Amino acid sequence: MINIIILLAILGYSAWVLVRFLRKSRQGACAGCSTSKSCPGCAGSSMNEDHAKIKKSI
């Protein structure tokens, strides 16, 4: 009986983490990062996206 409870807890937590990851990934690069505006990695990726948009419009 305890094995089933532990298994359900693990599966439930895994599903919750997966759903949270998918929601954040839909928001774009570093969307889940609380420092997305000041993070060098996040700032670089947003600059690349802006540069790509400019190239496409030319």
N, C-alpha and C. Protein backbone atom coordinates (compact mmCIF):
# COMPACT_ATOMS: atom_id res chain seq x y z
N MET A 1 0.82 -1.20 0.00
CA MET A 1 0.00 0.00 0.00
C MET A 1 0.86 1.27 0.00
N ILE A 2 1.90 1.28 0.82
CA ILE A 2 2.77 2.46 0.89
C ILE A 2 3.51 2.66 -0.43
N ASN A 3 3.80 1.55 -1.13
CA ASN A 3 4.48 1.66 -2.43
C ASN A 3 3.61 2.41 -3.44
N ILE A 4 2.33 2.17 -3.41
CA ILE A 4 1.42 2.84 -4.33
C ILE A 4 1.36 4.34 -4.01
N ILE A 5 1.33 4.69 -2.74
CA ILE A 5 1.27 6.09 -2.34
C ILE A 5 2.55 6.81 -2.77
N ILE A 6 3.69 6.17 -2.56
CA ILE A 6 4.97 6.78 -2.96
C ILE A 6 5.02 6.93 -4.48
N LEU A 7 4.59 5.92 -5.21
CA LEU A 7 4.57 5.99 -6.68
C LEU A 7 3.67 7.12 -7.17
N LEU A 8 2.49 7.26 -6.59
CA LEU A 8 1.58 8.32 -6.98
C LEU A 8 2.15 9.71 -6.66
N ALA A 9 2.85 9.82 -5.54
CA ALA A 9 3.47 11.09 -5.18
C ALA A 9 4.56 11.46 -6.18
N ILE A 10 5.36 10.50 -6.57
CA ILE A 10 6.44 10.75 -7.53
C ILE A 10 5.86 11.11 -8.89
N LEU A 11 4.87 10.39 -9.35
CA LEU A 11 4.25 10.66 -10.65
C LEU A 11 3.54 12.01 -10.64
N GLY A 12 2.87 12.34 -9.56
CA GLY A 12 2.19 13.63 -9.46
C GLY A 12 3.17 14.79 -9.49
N TYR A 13 4.26 14.66 -8.75
CA TYR A 13 5.27 15.71 -8.74
C TYR A 13 5.92 15.85 -10.12
N SER A 14 6.20 14.73 -10.76
CA SER A 14 6.80 14.77 -12.10
C SER A 14 5.88 15.46 -13.10
N ALA A 15 4.61 15.16 -13.03
CA ALA A 15 3.64 15.80 -13.93
C ALA A 15 3.57 17.30 -13.67
N TRP A 16 3.59 17.71 -12.40
CA TRP A 16 3.53 19.13 -12.04
C TRP A 16 4.77 19.88 -12.55
N VAL A 17 5.95 19.27 -12.39
CA VAL A 17 7.19 19.90 -12.87
C VAL A 17 7.16 20.01 -14.40
N LEU A 18 6.69 19.00 -15.08
CA LEU A 18 6.62 19.02 -16.54
C LEU A 18 5.66 20.10 -17.03
N VAL A 19 4.51 20.22 -16.43
CA VAL A 19 3.54 21.25 -16.82
C VAL A 19 4.13 22.63 -16.58
N ARG A 20 4.78 22.83 -15.44
CA ARG A 20 5.38 24.13 -15.13
C ARG A 20 6.48 24.47 -16.14
N PHE A 21 7.29 23.49 -16.50
CA PHE A 21 8.34 23.70 -17.48
C PHE A 21 7.76 24.08 -18.84
N LEU A 22 6.72 23.40 -19.28
CA LEU A 22 6.11 23.68 -20.57
C LEU A 22 5.48 25.07 -20.61
N ARG A 23 4.85 25.48 -19.52
CA ARG A 23 4.26 26.82 -19.47
C ARG A 23 5.33 27.90 -19.57
N LYS A 24 6.44 27.70 -18.87
CA LYS A 24 7.52 28.69 -18.92
C LYS A 24 8.23 28.68 -20.27
N SER A 25 8.37 27.53 -20.89
CA SER A 25 9.07 27.46 -22.17
C SER A 25 8.26 28.12 -23.28
N ARG A 26 6.95 28.17 -23.15
CA ARG A 26 6.11 28.84 -24.14
C ARG A 26 6.29 30.35 -24.10
N GLN A 27 6.77 30.87 -22.97
CA GLN A 27 6.96 32.32 -22.82
C GLN A 27 8.23 32.79 -23.50
N GLY A 28 9.09 31.90 -23.91
CA GLY A 28 10.31 32.28 -24.59
C GLY A 28 11.55 32.04 -23.74
N ALA A 29 12.68 32.50 -24.27
CA ALA A 29 13.96 32.27 -23.60
C ALA A 29 13.99 33.00 -22.26
N CYS A 30 14.33 32.28 -21.24
CA CYS A 30 14.49 32.81 -19.88
C CYS A 30 13.23 33.49 -19.35
N ALA A 31 12.08 33.08 -19.79
CA ALA A 31 10.85 33.71 -19.32
C ALA A 31 10.62 33.45 -17.84
N GLY A 32 11.07 32.31 -17.37
CA GLY A 32 10.88 31.98 -15.97
C GLY A 32 11.91 32.57 -15.05
N CYS A 33 12.92 33.19 -15.62
CA CYS A 33 14.00 33.77 -14.84
C CYS A 33 13.53 35.08 -14.21
N SER A 34 13.70 35.23 -12.91
CA SER A 34 13.25 36.45 -12.25
C SER A 34 14.14 37.64 -12.59
N THR A 35 15.35 37.38 -13.10
CA THR A 35 16.26 38.46 -13.45
C THR A 35 16.44 38.54 -14.95
N SER A 36 15.39 38.28 -15.71
CA SER A 36 15.50 38.19 -17.16
C SER A 36 15.94 39.50 -17.81
N LYS A 37 15.69 40.63 -17.17
CA LYS A 37 16.09 41.91 -17.76
C LYS A 37 17.56 42.23 -17.51
N SER A 38 18.11 41.73 -16.41
CA SER A 38 19.50 42.06 -16.08
C SER A 38 20.45 40.88 -16.27
N CYS A 39 19.95 39.72 -16.57
CA CYS A 39 20.77 38.53 -16.75
C CYS A 39 21.50 38.61 -18.10
N PRO A 40 22.84 38.45 -18.11
CA PRO A 40 23.57 38.54 -19.38
C PRO A 40 23.11 37.50 -20.40
N GLY A 41 22.78 36.31 -19.95
CA GLY A 41 22.31 35.28 -20.87
C GLY A 41 20.97 35.61 -21.46
N CYS A 42 20.08 36.14 -20.66
CA CYS A 42 18.75 36.51 -21.13
C CYS A 42 18.81 37.74 -22.03
N ALA A 43 19.61 38.71 -21.64
CA ALA A 43 19.72 39.92 -22.44
C ALA A 43 20.30 39.61 -23.81
N GLY A 44 21.26 38.71 -23.86
CA GLY A 44 21.87 38.33 -25.13
C GLY A 44 20.89 37.63 -26.03
N SER A 45 20.05 36.77 -25.47
CA SER A 45 19.10 36.05 -26.31
C SER A 45 18.01 36.98 -26.82
N SER A 46 17.60 37.96 -26.03
CA SER A 46 16.57 38.88 -26.52
C SER A 46 17.15 39.80 -27.58
N MET A 47 18.42 40.15 -27.45
CA MET A 47 19.06 40.98 -28.47
C MET A 47 19.16 40.22 -29.78
N ASN A 48 19.45 38.93 -29.70
CA ASN A 48 19.53 38.11 -30.91
C ASN A 48 18.17 38.01 -31.58
N GLU A 49 17.10 37.90 -30.79
CA GLU A 49 15.77 37.83 -31.36
C GLU A 49 15.41 39.13 -32.06
N ASP A 50 15.74 40.27 -31.44
CA ASP A 50 15.46 41.56 -32.05
C ASP A 50 16.25 41.72 -33.34
N HIS A 51 17.50 41.29 -33.33
CA HIS A 51 18.35 41.39 -34.51
C HIS A 51 17.79 40.52 -35.64
N ALA A 52 17.29 39.34 -35.28
CA ALA A 52 16.71 38.46 -36.29
C ALA A 52 15.46 39.07 -36.91
N LYS A 53 14.66 39.76 -36.10
CA LYS A 53 13.45 40.40 -36.61
C LYS A 53 13.80 41.52 -37.58
N ILE A 54 14.85 42.27 -37.27
CA ILE A 54 15.28 43.35 -38.14
C ILE A 54 15.79 42.80 -39.47
N LYS A 55 16.54 41.71 -39.41
CA LYS A 55 17.06 41.10 -40.64
C LYS A 55 15.92 40.62 -41.53
N LYS A 56 14.88 40.04 -40.92
CA LYS A 56 13.76 39.53 -41.71
C LYS A 56 13.00 40.66 -42.38
N SER A 57 12.92 41.82 -41.72
CA SER A 57 12.15 42.92 -42.29
C SER A 57 12.90 43.62 -43.42
N ILE A 58 14.20 43.42 -43.49
CA ILE A 58 15.00 44.09 -44.54
C ILE A 58 14.91 43.33 -45.81
